[in-house]
């Protein structure tokens, strides 16, 4: 019998036109989120992040680098996940698709009020890193 383990997910912080792309979730938990989702069997993390970004935003992304890994058990109310979050770039206009009702570019000082999961914390850490070069510490 295999032990129960957290599900593996990916998220794409997509930089575009001086802002970042967030998607309004079509299904619970409600709110805006960093585009991303579950890694499929037989799929690499890079393949998954590109697929999820395309499905949810219609954007073909360039993956720049791994930003951070998030793994706290409380981060997703649907169950435990471990997420590889990537810094990405794209050109074009995002359009919501798949389980994203909308995809919109937001500036740091104009983020929406309701952000799902722990994505507000992730975005704060990302913007801090962009300004200072300091990545987040261990996710204990």
N, C-alpha and C. Protein backbone atom coordinates (compact mmCIF):
# COMPACT_ATOMS: atom_id res chain seq x y z
N UNK A 1 0.85 -1.18 0.00
CA UNK A 1 0.00 0.00 0.00
C UNK A 1 0.89 1.25 0.00
N UNK A 2 0.60 2.17 -0.92
CA UNK A 2 1.38 3.40 -1.00
C UNK A 2 0.95 4.37 0.10
N UNK A 3 1.90 5.07 0.69
CA UNK A 3 1.53 6.07 1.70
C UNK A 3 0.81 7.25 1.03
N UNK A 4 -0.05 7.89 1.78
CA UNK A 4 -0.73 9.09 1.26
C UNK A 4 0.26 10.25 1.31
N UNK A 5 0.40 10.95 0.20
CA UNK A 5 1.32 12.08 0.12
C UNK A 5 0.59 13.28 -0.46
N UNK A 6 1.14 14.48 -0.25
CA UNK A 6 0.52 15.67 -0.84
C UNK A 6 0.53 15.60 -2.37
N UNK A 7 -0.43 16.26 -2.99
CA UNK A 7 -0.47 16.34 -4.46
C UNK A 7 0.54 17.37 -4.93
N UNK A 8 1.11 17.12 -6.10
CA UNK A 8 2.11 18.02 -6.68
C UNK A 8 1.43 19.01 -7.62
N UNK A 9 1.72 20.29 -7.42
CA UNK A 9 1.14 21.35 -8.25
C UNK A 9 2.24 22.29 -8.74
N UNK A 10 1.88 23.10 -9.72
CA UNK A 10 2.77 24.14 -10.24
C UNK A 10 1.99 25.44 -10.33
N UNK A 11 2.70 26.55 -10.20
CA UNK A 11 2.11 27.88 -10.37
C UNK A 11 3.05 28.73 -11.20
N UNK A 12 2.48 29.58 -12.07
CA UNK A 12 3.25 30.43 -12.96
C UNK A 12 3.01 31.89 -12.63
N UNK A 13 4.00 32.54 -12.05
CA UNK A 13 3.92 34.00 -11.88
C UNK A 13 4.35 34.58 -13.22
N UNK A 14 3.36 35.01 -13.99
CA UNK A 14 3.60 35.47 -15.36
C UNK A 14 3.72 36.99 -15.38
N UNK A 15 4.92 37.47 -15.71
CA UNK A 15 5.14 38.91 -15.83
C UNK A 15 4.80 39.33 -17.25
N UNK A 16 4.00 40.39 -17.34
CA UNK A 16 3.58 40.88 -18.65
C UNK A 16 3.20 42.36 -18.51
N UNK A 17 3.66 43.18 -19.41
CA UNK A 17 3.29 44.60 -19.44
C UNK A 17 3.46 45.30 -18.08
N UNK A 18 4.52 44.99 -17.35
CA UNK A 18 4.78 45.65 -16.07
C UNK A 18 3.98 45.12 -14.91
N UNK A 19 3.16 44.11 -15.12
CA UNK A 19 2.37 43.53 -14.04
C UNK A 19 2.47 42.02 -14.05
N UNK A 20 1.57 41.39 -13.31
CA UNK A 20 1.52 39.93 -13.27
C UNK A 20 0.09 39.48 -13.56
N UNK A 21 -0.01 38.29 -14.14
CA UNK A 21 -1.32 37.74 -14.52
C UNK A 21 -1.89 36.94 -13.36
N UNK A 22 -3.12 37.26 -13.00
CA UNK A 22 -3.89 36.45 -12.06
C UNK A 22 -5.15 35.97 -12.75
N UNK A 23 -5.67 34.83 -12.30
CA UNK A 23 -6.91 34.30 -12.84
C UNK A 23 -7.98 34.30 -11.76
N UNK A 24 -9.19 34.64 -12.16
CA UNK A 24 -10.32 34.54 -11.25
C UNK A 24 -10.84 33.10 -11.34
N UNK A 25 -10.84 32.41 -10.20
CA UNK A 25 -11.21 31.00 -10.18
C UNK A 25 -12.69 30.81 -10.50
N UNK A 26 -12.97 29.82 -11.33
CA UNK A 26 -14.34 29.49 -11.70
C UNK A 26 -14.99 28.60 -10.63
N UNK A 27 -14.16 27.85 -9.89
CA UNK A 27 -14.65 26.88 -8.90
C UNK A 27 -14.02 27.16 -7.54
N UNK A 28 -14.69 26.70 -6.46
CA UNK A 28 -14.11 26.91 -5.12
C UNK A 28 -12.73 26.26 -5.00
N UNK A 29 -11.87 26.85 -4.17
CA UNK A 29 -12.09 28.06 -3.40
C UNK A 29 -12.08 29.30 -4.29
N UNK A 30 -12.97 30.23 -3.96
CA UNK A 30 -13.15 31.43 -4.77
C UNK A 30 -12.00 32.40 -4.59
N UNK A 31 -11.91 33.31 -5.54
CA UNK A 31 -10.92 34.37 -5.47
C UNK A 31 -10.01 34.36 -6.68
N UNK A 32 -9.06 35.26 -6.66
CA UNK A 32 -8.05 35.36 -7.71
C UNK A 32 -6.86 34.51 -7.31
N UNK A 33 -6.15 33.99 -8.29
CA UNK A 33 -5.04 33.09 -8.01
C UNK A 33 -3.96 33.22 -9.07
N UNK A 34 -2.78 32.77 -8.70
CA UNK A 34 -1.69 32.62 -9.66
C UNK A 34 -2.07 31.46 -10.57
N UNK A 35 -1.95 31.59 -11.88
CA UNK A 35 -2.30 30.47 -12.76
C UNK A 35 -1.49 29.23 -12.42
N UNK A 36 -2.16 28.10 -12.40
CA UNK A 36 -1.46 26.86 -12.10
C UNK A 36 -2.43 25.72 -11.87
N UNK A 37 -1.88 24.59 -11.47
CA UNK A 37 -2.72 23.44 -11.21
C UNK A 37 -1.90 22.18 -10.97
N UNK A 38 -2.59 21.06 -11.04
CA UNK A 38 -1.99 19.78 -10.70
C UNK A 38 -1.12 19.24 -11.84
N UNK A 39 -0.03 18.60 -11.46
CA UNK A 39 0.86 17.94 -12.42
C UNK A 39 0.24 16.60 -12.79
N UNK A 40 0.14 16.33 -14.09
CA UNK A 40 -0.42 15.06 -14.56
C UNK A 40 0.64 13.96 -14.51
N UNK A 41 0.21 12.69 -14.36
CA UNK A 41 1.17 11.59 -14.42
C UNK A 41 1.93 11.61 -15.75
N UNK A 42 3.22 11.34 -15.71
CA UNK A 42 4.05 11.34 -16.91
C UNK A 42 4.45 12.70 -17.41
N UNK A 43 4.18 13.74 -16.64
CA UNK A 43 4.44 15.12 -17.05
C UNK A 43 5.52 15.73 -16.15
N UNK A 44 6.47 16.44 -16.74
CA UNK A 44 7.47 17.14 -15.93
C UNK A 44 6.85 18.41 -15.36
N UNK A 45 7.53 18.98 -14.37
CA UNK A 45 7.06 20.24 -13.79
C UNK A 45 7.01 21.34 -14.85
N UNK A 46 8.03 21.42 -15.69
CA UNK A 46 8.06 22.46 -16.73
C UNK A 46 6.93 22.26 -17.74
N UNK A 47 6.68 21.03 -18.12
CA UNK A 47 5.56 20.76 -19.04
C UNK A 47 4.24 21.17 -18.38
N UNK A 48 4.09 20.85 -17.11
CA UNK A 48 2.85 21.15 -16.39
C UNK A 48 2.62 22.65 -16.26
N UNK A 49 3.66 23.42 -15.92
CA UNK A 49 3.47 24.86 -15.73
C UNK A 49 3.13 25.53 -17.07
N UNK A 50 3.76 25.08 -18.15
CA UNK A 50 3.44 25.64 -19.47
C UNK A 50 2.01 25.28 -19.88
N UNK A 51 1.60 24.04 -19.63
CA UNK A 51 0.24 23.60 -19.99
C UNK A 51 -0.80 24.36 -19.18
N UNK A 52 -0.60 24.43 -17.87
CA UNK A 52 -1.57 25.12 -17.01
C UNK A 52 -1.69 26.60 -17.37
N UNK A 53 -0.56 27.26 -17.63
CA UNK A 53 -0.60 28.67 -18.02
C UNK A 53 -1.37 28.85 -19.32
N UNK A 54 -1.13 28.00 -20.28
CA UNK A 54 -1.83 28.10 -21.57
C UNK A 54 -3.32 27.84 -21.39
N UNK A 55 -3.67 26.80 -20.63
CA UNK A 55 -5.09 26.48 -20.42
C UNK A 55 -5.83 27.60 -19.71
N UNK A 56 -5.20 28.22 -18.72
CA UNK A 56 -5.90 29.20 -17.90
C UNK A 56 -5.79 30.63 -18.39
N UNK A 57 -4.78 30.95 -19.22
CA UNK A 57 -4.57 32.34 -19.64
C UNK A 57 -4.49 32.53 -21.14
N UNK A 58 -4.40 31.45 -21.90
CA UNK A 58 -4.18 31.44 -23.36
C UNK A 58 -2.79 31.96 -23.74
N UNK A 59 -1.90 32.11 -22.78
CA UNK A 59 -0.57 32.64 -23.05
C UNK A 59 0.46 31.52 -23.14
N UNK A 60 1.33 31.62 -24.13
CA UNK A 60 2.51 30.74 -24.20
C UNK A 60 3.59 31.45 -23.41
N UNK A 61 4.04 30.79 -22.36
CA UNK A 61 4.98 31.43 -21.44
C UNK A 61 6.41 31.00 -21.70
N UNK A 62 7.33 31.88 -21.31
CA UNK A 62 8.74 31.54 -21.21
C UNK A 62 9.02 31.37 -19.72
N UNK A 63 9.46 30.20 -19.33
CA UNK A 63 9.80 29.94 -17.93
C UNK A 63 11.21 30.46 -17.69
N UNK A 64 11.36 31.37 -16.75
CA UNK A 64 12.65 32.00 -16.47
C UNK A 64 13.42 31.18 -15.43
N UNK A 65 12.78 30.92 -14.29
CA UNK A 65 13.44 30.14 -13.25
C UNK A 65 12.44 29.69 -12.20
N UNK A 66 12.87 28.70 -11.43
CA UNK A 66 12.10 28.27 -10.27
C UNK A 66 12.20 29.36 -9.22
N UNK A 67 11.07 29.86 -8.75
CA UNK A 67 11.09 30.89 -7.72
C UNK A 67 11.20 30.26 -6.34
N UNK A 68 10.29 29.35 -6.01
CA UNK A 68 10.28 28.77 -4.66
C UNK A 68 9.35 27.55 -4.65
N UNK A 69 9.51 26.72 -3.62
CA UNK A 69 8.63 25.58 -3.38
C UNK A 69 7.82 25.89 -2.12
N UNK A 70 6.51 25.70 -2.19
CA UNK A 70 5.63 25.92 -1.05
C UNK A 70 4.97 24.61 -0.66
N UNK A 71 4.95 24.31 0.66
CA UNK A 71 4.48 22.98 1.06
C UNK A 71 3.72 22.93 2.37
N UNK A 72 3.39 24.06 2.97
CA UNK A 72 2.67 24.01 4.24
C UNK A 72 1.33 23.29 4.05
N UNK A 73 0.99 22.39 4.97
CA UNK A 73 -0.23 21.59 4.81
C UNK A 73 -1.51 22.41 4.69
N UNK A 74 -1.60 23.59 5.24
CA UNK A 74 -2.84 24.37 5.24
C UNK A 74 -3.04 25.20 3.98
N UNK A 75 -2.13 25.15 3.04
CA UNK A 75 -2.15 26.12 1.93
C UNK A 75 -3.31 25.94 0.96
N UNK A 76 -3.90 24.74 0.86
CA UNK A 76 -5.03 24.49 -0.04
C UNK A 76 -6.13 23.79 0.76
N UNK A 77 -7.31 24.41 0.88
CA UNK A 77 -8.38 23.81 1.69
C UNK A 77 -8.92 22.49 1.11
N UNK A 78 -8.59 22.17 -0.13
CA UNK A 78 -9.07 20.93 -0.75
C UNK A 78 -8.19 19.73 -0.39
N UNK A 79 -7.01 19.99 0.17
CA UNK A 79 -6.08 18.92 0.53
C UNK A 79 -4.66 19.41 0.43
N UNK A 80 -3.76 18.65 1.02
CA UNK A 80 -2.35 19.06 1.04
C UNK A 80 -1.73 19.04 -0.35
N UNK A 81 -0.98 20.10 -0.65
CA UNK A 81 -0.28 20.20 -1.92
C UNK A 81 1.15 20.70 -1.68
N UNK A 82 2.00 20.37 -2.61
CA UNK A 82 3.34 20.95 -2.69
C UNK A 82 3.39 21.62 -4.06
N UNK A 83 3.73 22.91 -4.08
CA UNK A 83 3.70 23.64 -5.33
C UNK A 83 5.07 24.21 -5.68
N UNK A 84 5.48 23.95 -6.94
CA UNK A 84 6.67 24.57 -7.50
C UNK A 84 6.19 25.84 -8.21
N UNK A 85 6.67 26.98 -7.74
CA UNK A 85 6.25 28.27 -8.29
C UNK A 85 7.37 28.81 -9.17
N UNK A 86 7.03 29.13 -10.42
CA UNK A 86 8.01 29.57 -11.40
C UNK A 86 7.81 31.04 -11.77
N UNK A 87 8.92 31.73 -11.99
CA UNK A 87 8.89 33.06 -12.59
C UNK A 87 8.81 32.85 -14.10
N UNK A 88 7.84 33.51 -14.73
CA UNK A 88 7.62 33.34 -16.16
C UNK A 88 7.38 34.70 -16.81
N UNK A 89 7.50 34.73 -18.12
CA UNK A 89 7.19 35.94 -18.89
C UNK A 89 6.36 35.53 -20.10
N UNK A 90 5.59 36.51 -20.59
CA UNK A 90 4.77 36.26 -21.78
C UNK A 90 4.47 37.59 -22.46
N UNK A 91 4.05 37.49 -23.69
CA UNK A 91 3.56 38.63 -24.46
C UNK A 91 2.12 38.33 -24.84
N UNK A 92 1.34 39.38 -25.06
CA UNK A 92 -0.04 39.19 -25.49
C UNK A 92 -1.02 39.60 -24.42
N UNK A 93 -2.26 39.26 -24.67
CA UNK A 93 -3.36 39.59 -23.76
C UNK A 93 -3.92 38.31 -23.18
N UNK A 94 -3.91 38.18 -21.84
CA UNK A 94 -4.43 36.95 -21.25
C UNK A 94 -5.95 36.85 -21.40
N UNK A 95 -6.42 35.64 -21.61
CA UNK A 95 -7.86 35.35 -21.71
C UNK A 95 -8.13 34.14 -20.83
N UNK A 96 -9.09 34.25 -19.92
CA UNK A 96 -9.42 33.15 -19.03
C UNK A 96 -9.94 31.94 -19.80
N UNK A 97 -9.56 30.76 -19.35
CA UNK A 97 -10.02 29.52 -19.95
C UNK A 97 -9.92 28.39 -18.95
N UNK A 98 -10.42 27.22 -19.31
CA UNK A 98 -10.41 26.04 -18.46
C UNK A 98 -11.15 26.38 -17.16
N UNK A 99 -10.50 26.27 -16.00
CA UNK A 99 -11.20 26.58 -14.75
C UNK A 99 -10.96 28.02 -14.28
N UNK A 100 -10.51 28.88 -15.19
CA UNK A 100 -10.33 30.30 -14.90
C UNK A 100 -11.42 31.10 -15.61
N UNK A 101 -12.24 31.80 -14.83
CA UNK A 101 -13.32 32.61 -15.41
C UNK A 101 -12.76 33.83 -16.14
N UNK A 102 -11.66 34.40 -15.59
CA UNK A 102 -11.02 35.58 -16.18
C UNK A 102 -9.52 35.47 -15.97
N UNK A 103 -8.77 36.15 -16.81
CA UNK A 103 -7.33 36.31 -16.63
C UNK A 103 -7.01 37.78 -16.86
N UNK A 104 -6.39 38.42 -15.87
CA UNK A 104 -6.17 39.86 -15.90
C UNK A 104 -4.76 40.17 -15.43
N UNK A 105 -4.15 41.21 -16.00
CA UNK A 105 -2.85 41.69 -15.56
C UNK A 105 -3.06 42.72 -14.45
N UNK A 106 -2.38 42.51 -13.32
CA UNK A 106 -2.46 43.41 -12.17
C UNK A 106 -1.09 43.97 -11.86
N UNK A 107 -1.05 45.24 -11.48
CA UNK A 107 0.16 45.84 -10.94
C UNK A 107 0.26 45.50 -9.47
N UNK A 108 1.46 45.56 -8.92
CA UNK A 108 1.66 45.19 -7.52
C UNK A 108 0.74 45.96 -6.58
N UNK A 109 0.56 47.25 -6.81
CA UNK A 109 -0.25 48.08 -5.91
C UNK A 109 -1.75 48.04 -6.24
N UNK A 110 -2.15 47.16 -7.15
CA UNK A 110 -3.57 47.08 -7.53
C UNK A 110 -4.09 45.64 -7.44
N UNK A 111 -3.49 44.81 -6.60
CA UNK A 111 -3.93 43.43 -6.48
C UNK A 111 -5.37 43.37 -5.97
N UNK A 112 -6.13 42.39 -6.42
CA UNK A 112 -7.52 42.28 -5.95
C UNK A 112 -7.59 41.94 -4.46
N UNK A 113 -8.72 42.25 -3.86
CA UNK A 113 -8.92 42.02 -2.43
C UNK A 113 -8.92 40.53 -2.09
N UNK A 114 -9.68 39.75 -2.84
CA UNK A 114 -9.85 38.34 -2.51
C UNK A 114 -8.90 37.48 -3.35
N UNK A 115 -7.84 36.99 -2.70
CA UNK A 115 -6.86 36.14 -3.36
C UNK A 115 -6.90 34.77 -2.68
N UNK A 116 -7.00 33.72 -3.48
CA UNK A 116 -7.17 32.36 -2.97
C UNK A 116 -5.86 31.77 -2.45
N UNK A 117 -6.02 30.70 -1.68
CA UNK A 117 -4.90 29.91 -1.17
C UNK A 117 -3.94 30.82 -0.39
N UNK A 118 -2.65 30.56 -0.49
CA UNK A 118 -1.62 31.40 0.13
C UNK A 118 -0.96 32.29 -0.92
N UNK A 119 -1.68 32.57 -2.00
CA UNK A 119 -1.09 33.27 -3.13
C UNK A 119 -0.75 34.73 -2.84
N UNK A 120 -1.45 35.38 -1.91
CA UNK A 120 -1.06 36.75 -1.55
C UNK A 120 0.34 36.74 -0.93
N UNK A 121 0.59 35.79 -0.04
CA UNK A 121 1.92 35.66 0.59
C UNK A 121 2.98 35.39 -0.48
N UNK A 122 2.68 34.49 -1.40
CA UNK A 122 3.62 34.17 -2.46
C UNK A 122 3.93 35.41 -3.28
N UNK A 123 2.90 36.17 -3.64
CA UNK A 123 3.11 37.39 -4.44
C UNK A 123 3.92 38.42 -3.66
N UNK A 124 3.65 38.58 -2.37
CA UNK A 124 4.43 39.52 -1.55
C UNK A 124 5.90 39.12 -1.55
N UNK A 125 6.16 37.82 -1.41
CA UNK A 125 7.54 37.35 -1.41
C UNK A 125 8.18 37.53 -2.79
N UNK A 126 7.41 37.33 -3.83
CA UNK A 126 7.93 37.52 -5.19
C UNK A 126 8.30 38.98 -5.44
N UNK A 127 7.41 39.90 -5.08
CA UNK A 127 7.70 41.32 -5.29
C UNK A 127 8.90 41.76 -4.44
N UNK A 128 9.00 41.22 -3.22
CA UNK A 128 10.15 41.54 -2.36
C UNK A 128 11.45 41.05 -3.03
N UNK A 129 11.41 39.84 -3.57
CA UNK A 129 12.58 39.29 -4.26
C UNK A 129 12.97 40.15 -5.46
N UNK A 130 11.97 40.61 -6.24
CA UNK A 130 12.24 41.44 -7.41
C UNK A 130 12.96 42.74 -7.01
N UNK A 131 12.60 43.28 -5.84
CA UNK A 131 13.19 44.54 -5.39
C UNK A 131 14.55 44.35 -4.72
N UNK A 132 14.73 43.25 -4.00
CA UNK A 132 15.91 43.09 -3.15
C UNK A 132 16.86 41.97 -3.58
N UNK A 133 16.38 41.05 -4.38
CA UNK A 133 17.18 39.89 -4.74
C UNK A 133 17.14 38.78 -3.70
N UNK A 134 16.38 38.98 -2.61
CA UNK A 134 16.29 38.00 -1.54
C UNK A 134 15.09 37.08 -1.77
N UNK A 135 15.38 35.80 -2.00
CA UNK A 135 14.30 34.82 -2.12
C UNK A 135 13.81 34.45 -0.74
N UNK A 136 12.59 33.90 -0.66
CA UNK A 136 12.07 33.49 0.66
C UNK A 136 12.95 32.42 1.29
N UNK A 137 12.90 32.36 2.62
CA UNK A 137 13.62 31.31 3.34
C UNK A 137 12.89 30.00 3.23
N UNK A 138 13.31 29.04 4.00
CA UNK A 138 12.69 27.73 3.99
C UNK A 138 11.23 27.83 4.40
N UNK A 139 10.39 27.02 3.81
CA UNK A 139 8.95 27.01 4.06
C UNK A 139 8.67 26.02 5.20
N UNK A 140 8.98 26.44 6.42
CA UNK A 140 8.83 25.53 7.56
C UNK A 140 7.45 25.57 8.15
